[in-house]
Amino acid sequence: MGLSGSAWATLLVPTLLGILTMLLYGYWDRITGKEYYVDDEILAYDEDLMTTLREEGKL
């Protein structure tokens, strides 16, 4: 008793799309070449903020 082709597609397609999404999310900063800056109050994805913090010696 095996599964039909459409049953396999129903199982595998969402699984593969989920894995692809997780990999894309995990490597997004490397793909875009941008950095995250995180502290207690903000999650910034802003090059200007990163530049300002580097100039002030806080990073």
Protein backbone atom coordinates (compact mmCIF):
# COMPACT_ATOMS: atom_id res chain seq x y z
CA MET A 1 0.00 0.00 0.00
CA GLY A 2 1.97 2.94 -1.26
CA LEU A 3 0.96 6.52 -1.59
CA SER A 4 -0.23 7.98 -4.86
CA GLY A 5 1.75 10.65 -6.66
CA SER A 6 -0.56 13.42 -5.52
CA ALA A 7 -0.30 12.21 -1.91
CA TRP A 8 3.50 12.37 -2.09
CA ALA A 9 3.28 15.85 -3.63
CA THR A 10 0.93 16.93 -0.83
CA LEU A 11 3.48 15.78 1.74
CA LEU A 12 6.73 16.80 0.07
CA VAL A 13 5.98 20.17 -1.55
CA PRO A 14 5.05 22.02 1.69
CA THR A 15 7.93 20.32 3.51
CA LEU A 16 10.50 21.37 0.90
CA LEU A 17 9.10 24.90 0.74
CA GLY A 18 9.33 25.16 4.53
CA ILE A 19 12.94 23.99 4.54
CA LEU A 20 13.81 26.42 1.73
CA THR A 21 12.15 29.27 3.62
CA MET A 22 14.09 28.46 6.81
CA LEU A 23 17.40 28.35 4.91
CA LEU A 24 16.64 31.63 3.15
CA TYR A 25 15.72 33.28 6.46
CA GLY A 26 18.84 31.93 8.15
CA TYR A 27 21.22 33.19 5.48
CA TRP A 28 19.39 36.43 4.54
CA ASP A 29 22.05 38.67 6.11
CA ARG A 30 24.79 36.94 4.11
CA ILE A 31 22.73 37.09 0.92
CA THR A 32 22.04 40.82 1.25
CA GLY A 33 25.42 41.72 2.76
CA LYS A 34 23.80 43.73 5.56
CA GLU A 35 24.26 43.39 9.31
CA TYR A 36 21.80 43.24 12.16
CA TYR A 37 22.19 45.43 15.23
CA VAL A 38 20.17 44.24 18.19
CA ASP A 39 19.73 45.69 21.66
CA ASP A 40 16.97 45.63 24.24
CA GLU A 41 14.86 48.30 22.57
CA ILE A 42 15.36 47.90 18.84
CA LEU A 43 16.10 45.49 16.06
CA ALA A 44 17.56 47.68 13.37
CA TYR A 45 18.51 46.70 9.87
CA ASP A 46 19.91 50.09 8.97
CA GLU A 47 23.31 50.82 7.51
CA ASP A 48 23.19 54.45 8.70
CA LEU A 49 22.72 53.33 12.29
CA MET A 50 25.58 50.85 12.00
CA THR A 51 27.85 53.55 10.55
CA THR A 52 26.92 56.01 13.32
CA LEU A 53 27.58 53.45 16.04
CA ARG A 54 30.95 52.52 14.54
CA GLU A 55 31.96 56.19 14.42
CA GLU A 56 30.98 56.65 18.06
CA GLY A 57 32.97 53.57 19.04
CA LYS A 58 29.93 51.76 20.44
CA LEU A 59 30.27 48.87 18.03
